[in-house]
Amino acid sequence: MNYRNSGFLKSAGEILVTLDRATVVLPPGRHTLNSIHSFLEAEALANQRVLGEFLVDGHAVDLSLPLDSLLFLRVDAITVPLTDLPLVLLTTAAQQVSRAQAAVRETFTLVLINDPFIARELWWKIAGQLKEPVLTLSLMPENLCEVWCGTTFHKLRRWQLEQIAMIIRRVDEACDSQDNLQLSDALEKSVLPWLEKLGEHIRLWHEATLAGVRLRLNTSAA
């Protein structure tokens, strides 16, 4: 299931917008999150950068999801140069893993209170989310994967997609049993552990990449 961005502060008043900690004057009519995001993204791209963080009233927003039309007071955006694009990809992959985990946790409970037909439809509705972080990671530079994993992203992606196929088939077999308890167990004991392991790898890769960026910045400033 595709969770929407939510939970922003509902307040009235003038909107404060910053880009890389500098206050931005918005063009007339730019008062919605979508319009502000579009404007800031264009500003970043014009300077050969991309949006790395987008916060609304202090809440981090997943830019791969629709932006809710809520009232808000402040938007803060941080950009990163194209050379640091791996950080953006890792952040996106981590968000995709988190969404998939939340969907699976909700589903392995829901399948217990529905008939087998509905239960398997609930599973098939979220099965496609498993591949999303893997495809995002496949856009990472090959040299980083060789440093982290001792292999190429091509080989790593192939192995991960094979793992996903095995997991999906295992859960599908539980669906065929018409036993919702088996389906729930398969989601909890096969799908979630794989997502948790992938999420931990992404977290470690993000920390390593961020440390490299900081080292480069410190070296440049010295």
N, C-alpha and C. Protein backbone atom coordinates (compact mmCIF):
# COMPACT_ATOMS: atom_id res chain seq x y z
N MET A 1 0.85 -1.19 0.00
CA MET A 1 0.00 0.00 0.00
C MET A 1 0.88 1.24 0.00
N ASN A 2 0.43 2.27 -0.65
CA ASN A 2 1.25 3.46 -0.87
C ASN A 2 0.86 4.54 0.11
N TYR A 3 1.61 4.65 1.21
CA TYR A 3 1.27 5.61 2.25
C TYR A 3 1.54 7.03 1.79
N ARG A 4 0.60 7.90 2.07
CA ARG A 4 0.75 9.30 1.70
C ARG A 4 1.52 10.04 2.79
N ASN A 5 2.17 11.14 2.39
CA ASN A 5 2.80 12.00 3.38
C ASN A 5 1.71 12.64 4.22
N SER A 6 1.86 12.61 5.52
CA SER A 6 0.83 13.17 6.39
C SER A 6 1.45 13.61 7.71
N GLY A 7 0.63 14.22 8.55
CA GLY A 7 1.07 14.60 9.87
C GLY A 7 1.69 15.98 9.94
N PHE A 8 1.54 16.79 8.90
CA PHE A 8 2.11 18.13 8.92
C PHE A 8 1.28 19.04 9.81
N LEU A 9 1.92 20.07 10.35
CA LEU A 9 1.24 21.01 11.22
C LEU A 9 0.19 21.80 10.45
N LYS A 10 -1.03 21.80 10.95
CA LYS A 10 -2.11 22.56 10.31
C LYS A 10 -2.21 23.92 10.98
N SER A 11 -1.63 24.94 10.38
CA SER A 11 -1.64 26.28 10.95
C SER A 11 -1.79 27.29 9.84
N ALA A 12 -2.31 28.44 10.20
CA ALA A 12 -2.46 29.51 9.23
C ALA A 12 -1.32 30.50 9.41
N GLY A 13 -1.00 31.23 8.37
CA GLY A 13 0.04 32.24 8.49
C GLY A 13 0.93 32.27 7.27
N GLU A 14 1.92 33.15 7.28
CA GLU A 14 2.84 33.29 6.16
C GLU A 14 3.78 32.09 6.10
N ILE A 15 4.10 31.65 4.90
CA ILE A 15 4.94 30.48 4.71
C ILE A 15 6.40 30.90 4.62
N LEU A 16 7.25 30.28 5.42
CA LEU A 16 8.69 30.51 5.35
C LEU A 16 9.31 29.36 4.57
N VAL A 17 10.07 29.69 3.53
CA VAL A 17 10.71 28.67 2.70
C VAL A 17 12.21 28.93 2.66
N THR A 18 12.99 27.89 2.91
CA THR A 18 14.45 28.02 2.81
C THR A 18 14.99 26.96 1.87
N LEU A 19 16.06 27.31 1.18
CA LEU A 19 16.78 26.38 0.31
C LEU A 19 18.24 26.45 0.71
N ASP A 20 18.78 25.34 1.18
CA ASP A 20 20.14 25.32 1.71
C ASP A 20 20.34 26.40 2.76
N ARG A 21 19.33 26.54 3.63
CA ARG A 21 19.31 27.44 4.80
C ARG A 21 19.19 28.92 4.43
N ALA A 22 19.04 29.23 3.15
CA ALA A 22 18.82 30.61 2.72
C ALA A 22 17.34 30.81 2.43
N THR A 23 16.79 31.93 2.91
CA THR A 23 15.37 32.20 2.71
C THR A 23 15.08 32.42 1.22
N VAL A 24 13.98 31.83 0.76
CA VAL A 24 13.59 31.90 -0.64
C VAL A 24 12.33 32.75 -0.77
N VAL A 25 12.34 33.66 -1.76
CA VAL A 25 11.15 34.45 -2.08
C VAL A 25 10.42 33.72 -3.20
N LEU A 26 9.22 33.26 -2.91
CA LEU A 26 8.47 32.48 -3.88
C LEU A 26 7.79 33.38 -4.91
N PRO A 27 7.64 32.90 -6.12
CA PRO A 27 6.86 33.64 -7.13
C PRO A 27 5.39 33.71 -6.68
N PRO A 28 4.63 34.64 -7.20
CA PRO A 28 3.20 34.74 -6.85
C PRO A 28 2.47 33.43 -7.14
N GLY A 29 1.57 33.08 -6.26
CA GLY A 29 0.73 31.90 -6.47
C GLY A 29 1.33 30.59 -6.02
N ARG A 30 2.56 30.61 -5.52
CA ARG A 30 3.19 29.37 -5.07
C ARG A 30 2.91 29.17 -3.58
N HIS A 31 1.75 28.59 -3.27
CA HIS A 31 1.36 28.44 -1.87
C HIS A 31 1.05 26.99 -1.49
N THR A 32 1.14 26.07 -2.45
CA THR A 32 0.88 24.66 -2.14
C THR A 32 2.22 23.92 -2.08
N LEU A 33 2.21 22.76 -1.42
CA LEU A 33 3.44 21.98 -1.32
C LEU A 33 3.96 21.57 -2.69
N ASN A 34 3.05 21.17 -3.57
CA ASN A 34 3.47 20.74 -4.90
C ASN A 34 4.13 21.89 -5.67
N SER A 35 3.54 23.08 -5.58
CA SER A 35 4.11 24.21 -6.32
C SER A 35 5.45 24.64 -5.73
N ILE A 36 5.57 24.61 -4.42
CA ILE A 36 6.84 24.97 -3.77
C ILE A 36 7.91 23.93 -4.09
N HIS A 37 7.53 22.67 -4.04
CA HIS A 37 8.49 21.61 -4.37
C HIS A 37 8.99 21.76 -5.80
N SER A 38 8.08 22.02 -6.73
CA SER A 38 8.45 22.17 -8.13
C SER A 38 9.42 23.34 -8.31
N PHE A 39 9.14 24.45 -7.64
CA PHE A 39 9.99 25.63 -7.75
C PHE A 39 11.39 25.36 -7.19
N LEU A 40 11.45 24.75 -6.02
CA LEU A 40 12.74 24.48 -5.39
C LEU A 40 13.54 23.45 -6.19
N GLU A 41 12.85 22.48 -6.74
CA GLU A 41 13.54 21.46 -7.54
C GLU A 41 14.16 22.10 -8.78
N ALA A 42 13.44 23.03 -9.42
CA ALA A 42 13.98 23.72 -10.59
C ALA A 42 15.20 24.55 -10.21
N GLU A 43 15.13 25.22 -9.05
CA GLU A 43 16.28 26.01 -8.57
C GLU A 43 17.49 25.11 -8.36
N ALA A 44 17.27 23.94 -7.78
CA ALA A 44 18.38 23.01 -7.53
C ALA A 44 18.98 22.51 -8.84
N LEU A 45 18.13 22.09 -9.77
CA LEU A 45 18.61 21.56 -11.04
C LEU A 45 19.39 22.60 -11.83
N ALA A 46 18.95 23.87 -11.74
CA ALA A 46 19.65 24.94 -12.46
C ALA A 46 21.08 25.11 -11.97
N ASN A 47 21.33 24.65 -10.76
CA ASN A 47 22.68 24.74 -10.18
C ASN A 47 23.37 23.38 -10.13
N GLN A 48 22.91 22.46 -10.98
CA GLN A 48 23.50 21.13 -11.07
C GLN A 48 23.45 20.40 -9.73
N ARG A 49 22.33 20.53 -9.04
CA ARG A 49 22.12 19.88 -7.76
C ARG A 49 20.73 19.24 -7.75
N VAL A 50 20.48 18.40 -6.76
CA VAL A 50 19.17 17.77 -6.60
C VAL A 50 18.73 17.92 -5.15
N LEU A 51 17.42 17.84 -4.93
CA LEU A 51 16.90 17.93 -3.57
C LEU A 51 17.24 16.66 -2.80
N GLY A 52 17.94 16.85 -1.69
CA GLY A 52 18.27 15.70 -0.85
C GLY A 52 17.33 15.56 0.33
N GLU A 53 16.86 16.70 0.86
CA GLU A 53 15.92 16.69 1.97
C GLU A 53 14.83 17.72 1.71
N PHE A 54 13.62 17.38 2.14
CA PHE A 54 12.47 18.27 1.99
C PHE A 54 11.65 18.13 3.26
N LEU A 55 11.67 19.17 4.08
CA LEU A 55 10.97 19.12 5.36
C LEU A 55 9.82 20.11 5.40
N VAL A 56 8.69 19.66 5.91
CA VAL A 56 7.51 20.51 6.06
C VAL A 56 7.19 20.61 7.54
N ASP A 57 7.29 21.82 8.08
CA ASP A 57 7.09 22.03 9.51
C ASP A 57 7.93 21.06 10.33
N GLY A 58 9.16 20.82 9.86
CA GLY A 58 10.09 19.97 10.59
C GLY A 58 9.96 18.49 10.33
N HIS A 59 8.96 18.09 9.52
CA HIS A 59 8.75 16.68 9.22
C HIS A 59 9.38 16.34 7.86
N ALA A 60 10.24 15.33 7.83
CA ALA A 60 10.84 14.90 6.58
C ALA A 60 9.76 14.31 5.66
N VAL A 61 9.82 14.66 4.39
CA VAL A 61 8.82 14.25 3.40
C VAL A 61 9.46 13.27 2.42
N ASP A 62 8.73 12.24 2.11
CA ASP A 62 9.14 11.28 1.09
C ASP A 62 8.70 11.82 -0.26
N LEU A 63 9.65 12.29 -1.05
CA LEU A 63 9.31 12.95 -2.32
C LEU A 63 8.84 11.98 -3.39
N SER A 64 8.95 10.69 -3.13
CA SER A 64 8.44 9.73 -4.11
C SER A 64 6.94 9.49 -3.96
N LEU A 65 6.33 10.11 -2.92
CA LEU A 65 4.90 9.98 -2.69
C LEU A 65 4.20 11.30 -2.94
N PRO A 66 2.88 11.25 -3.18
CA PRO A 66 2.13 12.50 -3.37
C PRO A 66 2.22 13.38 -2.13
N LEU A 67 2.20 14.69 -2.35
CA LEU A 67 2.25 15.65 -1.26
C LEU A 67 0.83 16.04 -0.88
N ASP A 68 0.50 15.91 0.40
CA ASP A 68 -0.83 16.28 0.85
C ASP A 68 -1.04 17.79 0.78
N SER A 69 -2.27 18.19 0.51
CA SER A 69 -2.61 19.61 0.45
C SER A 69 -3.08 20.08 1.83
N LEU A 70 -2.14 20.23 2.75
CA LEU A 70 -2.45 20.69 4.10
C LEU A 70 -1.87 22.08 4.31
N LEU A 71 -2.43 22.77 5.28
CA LEU A 71 -1.87 24.06 5.65
C LEU A 71 -0.56 23.84 6.41
N PHE A 72 0.39 24.72 6.21
CA PHE A 72 1.69 24.56 6.85
C PHE A 72 2.34 25.94 6.98
N LEU A 73 3.39 26.00 7.80
CA LEU A 73 4.06 27.27 8.05
C LEU A 73 5.45 27.37 7.42
N ARG A 74 6.11 26.24 7.26
CA ARG A 74 7.52 26.31 6.86
C ARG A 74 7.91 25.12 5.99
N VAL A 75 8.76 25.41 5.00
CA VAL A 75 9.36 24.38 4.16
C VAL A 75 10.86 24.61 4.13
N ASP A 76 11.62 23.57 4.42
CA ASP A 76 13.08 23.65 4.37
C ASP A 76 13.59 22.57 3.41
N ALA A 77 14.40 22.99 2.44
CA ALA A 77 14.95 22.05 1.47
C ALA A 77 16.47 22.14 1.49
N ILE A 78 17.09 20.98 1.40
CA ILE A 78 18.55 20.89 1.33
C ILE A 78 18.92 20.19 0.03
N THR A 79 19.85 20.77 -0.71
CA THR A 79 20.27 20.17 -1.97
C THR A 79 21.62 19.48 -1.82
N VAL A 80 21.90 18.59 -2.74
CA VAL A 80 23.21 17.94 -2.79
C VAL A 80 23.70 17.99 -4.23
N PRO A 81 25.01 18.08 -4.44
CA PRO A 81 25.53 18.08 -5.81
C PRO A 81 25.33 16.72 -6.46
N LEU A 82 25.37 16.68 -7.77
CA LEU A 82 25.17 15.44 -8.49
C LEU A 82 26.21 14.39 -8.11
N THR A 83 27.39 14.85 -7.66
CA THR A 83 28.41 13.90 -7.23
C THR A 83 27.99 13.14 -5.98
N ASP A 84 27.05 13.72 -5.22
CA ASP A 84 26.54 13.07 -4.01
C ASP A 84 25.19 12.41 -4.23
N LEU A 85 24.85 12.16 -5.49
CA LEU A 85 23.57 11.53 -5.80
C LEU A 85 23.37 10.18 -5.11
N PRO A 86 24.44 9.41 -4.88
CA PRO A 86 24.25 8.15 -4.15
C PRO A 86 23.54 8.33 -2.81
N LEU A 87 23.76 9.45 -2.12
CA LEU A 87 23.07 9.69 -0.86
C LEU A 87 21.56 9.78 -1.06
N VAL A 88 21.16 10.44 -2.14
CA VAL A 88 19.73 10.57 -2.45
C VAL A 88 19.14 9.20 -2.77
N LEU A 89 19.86 8.41 -3.56
CA LEU A 89 19.38 7.08 -3.91
C LEU A 89 19.25 6.18 -2.68
N LEU A 90 20.22 6.26 -1.78
CA LEU A 90 20.18 5.45 -0.58
C LEU A 90 19.03 5.88 0.33
N THR A 91 18.80 7.20 0.41
CA THR A 91 17.67 7.69 1.20
C THR A 91 16.35 7.20 0.62
N THR A 92 16.23 7.27 -0.70
CA THR A 92 15.01 6.80 -1.37
C THR A 92 14.80 5.31 -1.13
N ALA A 93 15.88 4.53 -1.27
CA ALA A 93 15.77 3.08 -1.06
C ALA A 93 15.36 2.77 0.37
N ALA A 94 15.91 3.51 1.34
CA ALA A 94 15.55 3.30 2.74
C ALA A 94 14.07 3.60 2.97
N GLN A 95 13.57 4.65 2.34
CA GLN A 95 12.15 4.99 2.48
C GLN A 95 11.27 3.91 1.86
N GLN A 96 11.71 3.36 0.74
CA GLN A 96 10.95 2.30 0.08
C GLN A 96 10.90 1.04 0.95
N VAL A 97 12.02 0.73 1.61
CA VAL A 97 12.05 -0.42 2.52
C VAL A 97 11.10 -0.19 3.69
N SER A 98 11.12 1.03 4.25
CA SER A 98 10.25 1.33 5.39
C SER A 98 8.78 1.20 5.01
N ARG A 99 8.42 1.70 3.82
CA ARG A 99 7.03 1.59 3.37
C ARG A 99 6.63 0.13 3.19
N ALA A 100 7.54 -0.66 2.61
CA ALA A 100 7.24 -2.07 2.40
C ALA A 100 7.08 -2.79 3.74
N GLN A 101 7.95 -2.47 4.69
CA GLN A 101 7.84 -3.10 6.02
C GLN A 101 6.50 -2.78 6.67
N ALA A 102 6.11 -1.50 6.61
CA ALA A 102 4.83 -1.10 7.21
C ALA A 102 3.67 -1.81 6.53
N ALA A 103 3.74 -1.94 5.22
CA ALA A 103 2.66 -2.60 4.47
C ALA A 103 2.57 -4.08 4.84
N VAL A 104 3.73 -4.73 4.96
CA VAL A 104 3.74 -6.16 5.29
C VAL A 104 3.22 -6.38 6.72
N ARG A 105 3.66 -5.53 7.65
CA ARG A 105 3.20 -5.68 9.04
C ARG A 105 1.68 -5.54 9.12
N GLU A 106 1.15 -4.59 8.39
CA GLU A 106 -0.30 -4.41 8.41
C GLU A 106 -1.00 -5.59 7.75
N THR A 107 -0.41 -6.10 6.67
CA THR A 107 -1.05 -7.17 5.91
C THR A 107 -1.05 -8.49 6.66
N PHE A 108 0.07 -8.83 7.36
CA PHE A 108 0.05 -10.15 8.00
C PHE A 108 -0.91 -10.19 9.18
N THR A 109 -1.40 -9.03 9.61
CA THR A 109 -2.48 -9.00 10.59
C THR A 109 -3.84 -9.07 9.90
N LEU A 110 -3.99 -8.31 8.81
CA LEU A 110 -5.27 -8.26 8.10
C LEU A 110 -5.66 -9.60 7.50
N VAL A 111 -4.67 -10.38 7.05
CA VAL A 111 -5.02 -11.64 6.40
C VAL A 111 -5.69 -12.61 7.37
N LEU A 112 -5.45 -12.42 8.66
CA LEU A 112 -6.02 -13.32 9.65
C LEU A 112 -7.52 -13.10 9.85
N ILE A 113 -8.01 -11.92 9.48
CA ILE A 113 -9.41 -11.60 9.73
C ILE A 113 -10.23 -11.52 8.44
N ASN A 114 -9.65 -12.04 7.35
CA ASN A 114 -10.36 -12.04 6.07
C ASN A 114 -10.38 -13.45 5.49
N ASP A 115 -11.29 -13.67 4.53
CA ASP A 115 -11.33 -14.99 3.90
C ASP A 115 -10.12 -15.16 2.98
N PRO A 116 -9.78 -16.39 2.62
CA PRO A 116 -8.56 -16.67 1.83
C PRO A 116 -8.47 -15.86 0.53
N PHE A 117 -9.60 -15.65 -0.15
CA PHE A 117 -9.57 -14.91 -1.41
C PHE A 117 -9.10 -13.48 -1.19
N ILE A 118 -9.67 -12.81 -0.18
CA ILE A 118 -9.27 -11.44 0.12
C ILE A 118 -7.85 -11.40 0.66
N ALA A 119 -7.49 -12.39 1.47
CA ALA A 119 -6.16 -12.44 2.07
C ALA A 119 -5.06 -12.47 1.00
N ARG A 120 -5.23 -13.31 0.00
CA ARG A 120 -4.20 -13.38 -1.02
C ARG A 120 -4.17 -12.14 -1.90
N GLU A 121 -5.33 -11.50 -2.08
CA GLU A 121 -5.35 -10.24 -2.83
C GLU A 121 -4.58 -9.15 -2.06
N LEU A 122 -4.70 -9.16 -0.73
CA LEU A 122 -3.95 -8.21 0.09
C LEU A 122 -2.45 -8.39 -0.10
N TRP A 123 -2.02 -9.64 -0.17
CA TRP A 123 -0.60 -9.93 -0.39
C TRP A 123 -0.17 -9.50 -1.79
N TRP A 124 -0.93 -9.87 -2.80
CA TRP A 124 -0.54 -9.54 -4.17
C TRP A 124 -0.52 -8.03 -4.40
N LYS A 125 -1.30 -7.32 -3.61
CA LYS A 125 -1.32 -5.85 -3.75
C LYS A 125 0.00 -5.22 -3.33
N ILE A 126 0.71 -5.83 -2.39
CA ILE A 126 1.96 -5.24 -1.89
C ILE A 126 3.21 -5.96 -2.39
N ALA A 127 3.04 -7.10 -3.05
CA ALA A 127 4.20 -7.91 -3.45
C ALA A 127 5.17 -7.11 -4.32
N GLY A 128 4.63 -6.25 -5.19
CA GLY A 128 5.48 -5.48 -6.09
C GLY A 128 6.39 -4.49 -5.39
N GLN A 129 6.06 -4.13 -4.14
CA GLN A 129 6.89 -3.17 -3.42
C GLN A 129 8.27 -3.74 -3.05
N LEU A 130 8.39 -5.06 -3.02
CA LEU A 130 9.65 -5.67 -2.59
C LEU A 130 10.80 -5.33 -3.53
N LYS A 131 10.50 -5.18 -4.81
CA LYS A 131 11.58 -4.94 -5.77
C LYS A 131 11.99 -3.48 -5.85
N GLU A 132 11.16 -2.55 -5.35
CA GLU A 132 11.41 -1.12 -5.53
C GLU A 132 12.78 -0.67 -4.99
N PRO A 133 13.15 -1.00 -3.74
CA PRO A 133 14.45 -0.55 -3.26
C PRO A 133 15.61 -1.18 -4.02
N VAL A 134 15.44 -2.40 -4.48
CA VAL A 134 16.50 -3.07 -5.24
C VAL A 134 16.74 -2.35 -6.57
N LEU A 135 15.66 -1.97 -7.24
CA LEU A 135 15.80 -1.24 -8.51
C LEU A 135 16.42 0.14 -8.29
N THR A 136 16.06 0.78 -7.16
CA THR A 136 16.68 2.08 -6.85
C THR A 136 18.17 1.92 -6.62
N LEU A 137 18.57 0.89 -5.88
CA LEU A 137 19.99 0.66 -5.61
C LEU A 137 20.77 0.33 -6.88
N SER A 138 20.08 -0.21 -7.88
CA SER A 138 20.77 -0.56 -9.13
C SER A 138 21.28 0.67 -9.87
N LEU A 139 20.81 1.86 -9.49
CA LEU A 139 21.27 3.10 -10.10
C LEU A 139 22.55 3.62 -9.46
N MET A 140 23.01 2.96 -8.39
CA MET A 140 24.23 3.40 -7.71
C MET A 140 25.46 3.15 -8.58
N PRO A 141 26.50 3.98 -8.42
CA PRO A 141 27.75 3.76 -9.16
C PRO A 141 28.37 2.40 -8.84
N GLU A 142 28.87 1.73 -9.86
CA GLU A 142 29.41 0.38 -9.68
C GLU A 142 30.58 0.36 -8.70
N ASN A 143 31.42 1.42 -8.70
CA ASN A 143 32.61 1.40 -7.84
C ASN A 143 32.25 1.34 -6.36
N LEU A 144 31.11 1.96 -5.97
CA LEU A 144 30.70 1.94 -4.57
C LEU A 144 30.30 0.53 -4.15
N CYS A 145 29.62 -0.18 -5.03
CA CYS A 145 29.20 -1.53 -4.71
C CYS A 145 30.41 -2.44 -4.54
N GLU A 146 31.44 -2.24 -5.38
CA GLU A 146 32.64 -3.05 -5.26
C GLU A 146 33.34 -2.81 -3.94
N VAL A 147 33.31 -1.55 -3.46
CA VAL A 147 33.91 -1.22 -2.17
C VAL A 147 33.12 -1.86 -1.04
N TRP A 148 31.78 -1.75 -1.10
CA TRP A 148 30.92 -2.24 -0.02
C TRP A 148 30.79 -3.75 -0.01
N CYS A 149 30.58 -4.32 -1.20
CA CYS A 149 30.16 -5.73 -1.27
C CYS A 149 31.17 -6.65 -1.96
N GLY A 150 32.18 -6.08 -2.58
CA GLY A 150 33.15 -6.89 -3.30
C GLY A 150 32.61 -7.47 -4.59
N THR A 151 31.53 -6.88 -5.11
CA THR A 151 30.94 -7.33 -6.36
C THR A 151 30.32 -6.13 -7.07
N THR A 152 29.75 -6.35 -8.24
CA THR A 152 29.11 -5.26 -8.98
C THR A 152 27.64 -5.20 -8.62
N PHE A 153 27.02 -4.03 -8.85
CA PHE A 153 25.60 -3.90 -8.59
C PHE A 153 24.80 -4.81 -9.53
N HIS A 154 25.36 -5.07 -10.73
CA HIS A 154 24.66 -5.96 -11.65
C HIS A 154 24.50 -7.35 -11.03
N LYS A 155 25.57 -7.87 -10.44
CA LYS A 155 25.51 -9.19 -9.82
C LYS A 155 24.67 -9.15 -8.55
N LEU A 156 24.83 -8.05 -7.78
CA LEU A 156 24.07 -7.93 -6.54
C LEU A 156 22.58 -7.83 -6.83
N ARG A 157 22.20 -7.03 -7.84
CA ARG A 157 20.80 -6.90 -8.21
C ARG A 157 20.23 -8.24 -8.67
N ARG A 158 21.00 -8.96 -9.47
CA ARG A 158 20.52 -10.27 -9.94
C ARG A 158 20.26 -11.19 -8.76
N TRP A 159 21.18 -11.22 -7.79
CA TRP A 159 21.00 -12.08 -6.62
C TRP A 159 19.80 -11.63 -5.80
N GLN A 160 19.64 -10.34 -5.61
CA GLN A 160 18.52 -9.84 -4.81
C GLN A 160 17.18 -10.12 -5.48
N LEU A 161 17.11 -9.92 -6.79
CA LEU A 161 15.86 -10.20 -7.49
C LEU A 161 15.51 -11.69 -7.46
N GLU A 162 16.54 -12.54 -7.50
CA GLU A 162 16.30 -13.98 -7.36
C GLU A 162 15.75 -14.29 -5.98
N GLN A 163 16.30 -13.60 -4.96
CA GLN A 163 15.80 -13.79 -3.60
C GLN A 163 14.34 -13.36 -3.48
N ILE A 164 14.02 -12.23 -4.09
CA ILE A 164 12.64 -11.74 -4.05
C ILE A 164 11.70 -12.74 -4.74
N ALA A 165 12.13 -13.27 -5.87
CA ALA A 165 11.30 -14.25 -6.59
C ALA A 165 11.04 -15.47 -5.72
N MET A 166 12.07 -15.94 -5.00
CA MET A 166 11.91 -17.10 -4.12
C MET A 166 10.93 -16.78 -2.99
N ILE A 167 11.04 -15.57 -2.43
CA ILE A 167 10.15 -15.18 -1.33
C ILE A 167 8.71 -15.10 -1.81
N ILE A 168 8.51 -14.47 -2.97
CA ILE A 168 7.15 -14.34 -3.51
C ILE A 168 6.54 -15.71 -3.77
N ARG A 169 7.32 -16.63 -4.33
CA ARG A 169 6.80 -17.97 -4.59
C ARG A 169 6.46 -18.69 -3.29
N ARG A 170 7.29 -18.46 -2.26
CA ARG A 170 7.04 -19.09 -0.96
C ARG A 170 5.72 -18.59 -0.37
N VAL A 171 5.48 -17.28 -0.48
CA VAL A 171 4.25 -16.72 0.05
C VAL A 171 3.06 -17.16 -0.81
N ASP A 172 3.27 -17.24 -2.12
CA ASP A 172 2.19 -17.70 -3.00
C ASP A 172 1.78 -19.14 -2.66
N GLU A 173 2.76 -19.97 -2.29
CA GLU A 173 2.43 -21.33 -1.88
C GLU A 173 1.55 -21.32 -0.63
N ALA A 174 1.83 -20.39 0.27
CA ALA A 174 0.99 -20.26 1.46
C ALA A 174 -0.42 -19.81 1.07
N CYS A 175 -0.51 -18.96 0.05
CA CYS A 175 -1.83 -18.54 -0.45
C CYS A 175 -2.60 -19.74 -1.00
N ASP A 176 -1.90 -20.60 -1.73
CA ASP A 176 -2.55 -21.76 -2.35
C ASP A 176 -3.07 -22.75 -1.31
N SER A 177 -2.50 -22.71 -0.11
CA SER A 177 -2.93 -23.64 0.94
C SER A 177 -4.31 -23.29 1.48
N GLN A 178 -4.79 -22.07 1.18
CA GLN A 178 -6.07 -21.59 1.68
C GLN A 178 -6.09 -21.47 3.21
N ASP A 179 -4.90 -21.51 3.81
CA ASP A 179 -4.78 -21.38 5.27
C ASP A 179 -4.19 -19.99 5.56
N ASN A 180 -5.01 -19.09 6.05
CA ASN A 180 -4.55 -17.72 6.29
C ASN A 180 -3.45 -17.64 7.33
N LEU A 181 -3.42 -18.59 8.24
CA LEU A 181 -2.36 -18.59 9.25
C LEU A 181 -1.01 -18.85 8.59
N GLN A 182 -0.98 -19.76 7.62
CA GLN A 182 0.26 -20.03 6.89
C GLN A 182 0.71 -18.79 6.12
N LEU A 183 -0.25 -18.08 5.54
CA LEU A 183 0.08 -16.85 4.80
C LEU A 183 0.64 -15.80 5.74
N SER A 184 0.00 -15.62 6.89
CA SER A 184 0.49 -14.65 7.85
C SER A 184 1.90 -15.00 8.33
N ASP A 185 2.14 -16.29 8.59
CA ASP A 185 3.46 -16.73 9.03
C ASP A 185 4.51 -16.49 7.95
N ALA A 186 4.14 -16.73 6.70
CA ALA A 186 5.08 -16.53 5.60
C ALA A 186 5.47 -15.05 5.48
N LEU A 187 4.51 -14.17 5.66
CA LEU A 187 4.80 -12.74 5.60
C LEU A 187 5.71 -12.33 6.75
N GLU A 188 5.41 -12.85 7.93
CA GLU A 188 6.17 -12.45 9.13
C GLU A 188 7.56 -13.07 9.16
N LYS A 189 7.69 -14.31 8.69
CA LYS A 189 8.95 -15.03 8.86
C LYS A 189 9.82 -15.08 7.61
N SER A 190 9.26 -14.72 6.46
CA SER A 190 10.06 -14.72 5.23
C SER A 190 10.25 -13.32 4.66
N VAL A 191 9.15 -12.58 4.54
CA VAL A 191 9.23 -11.27 3.90
C VAL A 191 9.87 -10.23 4.82
N LEU A 192 9.37 -10.13 6.05
CA LEU A 192 9.88 -9.10 6.96
C LEU A 192 11.37 -9.26 7.26
N PRO A 193 11.87 -10.46 7.56
CA PRO A 193 13.32 -10.58 7.83
C PRO A 193 14.18 -10.14 6.66
N TRP A 194 13.72 -10.45 5.43
CA TRP A 194 14.50 -10.03 4.25
C TRP A 194 14.53 -8.51 4.14
N LEU A 195 13.39 -7.87 4.37
CA LEU A 195 13.32 -6.41 4.31
C LEU A 195 14.16 -5.78 5.42
N GLU A 196 14.12 -6.37 6.61
CA GLU A 196 14.91 -5.83 7.72
C GLU A 196 16.40 -5.92 7.43
N LYS A 197 16.83 -7.03 6.85
CA LYS A 197 18.25 -7.19 6.49
C LYS A 197 18.66 -6.20 5.42
N LEU A 198 17.80 -6.02 4.40
CA LEU A 198 18.09 -5.06 3.35
C LEU A 198 18.16 -3.65 3.92
N GLY A 199 17.21 -3.32 4.80
CA GLY A 199 17.21 -1.99 5.41
C GLY A 199 18.47 -1.73 6.21
N GLU A 200 18.98 -2.74 6.91
CA GLU A 200 20.21 -2.57 7.69
C GLU A 200 21.41 -2.36 6.77
N HIS A 201 21.46 -3.09 5.66
CA HIS A 201 22.54 -2.89 4.70
C HIS A 201 22.52 -1.46 4.14
N ILE A 202 21.33 -0.99 3.80
CA ILE A 202 21.19 0.35 3.26
C ILE A 202 21.63 1.39 4.28
N ARG A 203 21.26 1.18 5.54
CA ARG A 203 21.66 2.12 6.60
C ARG A 203 23.19 2.19 6.71
N LEU A 204 23.85 1.04 6.66
CA LEU A 204 25.31 1.01 6.76
C LEU A 204 25.94 1.66 5.53
N TRP A 205 25.39 1.40 4.33
CA TRP A 205 25.90 2.02 3.12
C TRP A 205 25.74 3.53 3.16
N HIS A 206 24.59 3.98 3.69
CA HIS A 206 24.34 5.42 3.80
C HIS A 206 25.35 6.06 4.74
N GLU A 207 25.62 5.43 5.86
CA GLU A 207 26.59 5.98 6.82
C GLU A 207 27.98 6.05 6.20
N ALA A 208 28.36 5.01 5.46
CA ALA A 208 29.68 5.00 4.82
C ALA A 208 29.78 6.08 3.76
N THR A 209 28.74 6.24 2.96
CA THR A 209 28.75 7.25 1.91
C THR A 209 28.76 8.65 2.51
N LEU A 210 27.96 8.86 3.56
CA LEU A 210 27.92 10.17 4.21
C LEU A 210 29.25 10.51 4.84
N ALA A 211 29.93 9.52 5.42
CA ALA A 211 31.25 9.76 6.00
C ALA A 211 32.24 10.18 4.92
N GLY A 212 32.13 9.58 3.75
CA GLY A 212 33.01 9.96 2.64
C GLY A 212 32.76 11.38 2.17
N VAL A 213 31.49 11.77 2.12
CA VAL A 213 31.14 13.14 1.72
C VAL A 213 31.70 14.14 2.73
N ARG A 214 31.53 13.86 4.01
CA ARG A 214 32.03 14.77 5.04
C ARG A 214 33.53 14.88 5.02
N LEU A 215 34.21 13.76 4.76
CA LEU A 215 35.67 13.77 4.67
C LEU A 215 36.11 14.65 3.51
N ARG A 216 35.42 14.52 2.39
CA ARG A 216 35.76 15.33 1.22
C ARG A 216 35.55 16.80 1.49
N LEU A 217 34.44 17.13 2.18
CA LEU A 217 34.15 18.53 2.50
C LEU A 217 35.20 19.10 3.45
N ASN A 218 35.59 18.30 4.46
CA ASN A 218 36.57 18.77 5.41
C ASN A 218 37.94 18.96 4.76
N THR A 219 38.27 18.06 3.82
CA THR A 219 39.53 18.18 3.11
C THR A 219 39.56 19.42 2.24
N SER A 220 38.42 19.70 1.61
CA SER A 220 38.33 20.88 0.74
C SER A 220 38.43 22.17 1.55
N ALA A 221 37.87 22.14 2.77
CA ALA A 221 37.87 23.35 3.60
C ALA A 221 39.21 23.61 4.27
N ALA A 222 40.05 22.55 4.36
CA ALA A 222 41.34 22.70 5.06
C ALA A 222 42.33 23.53 4.25
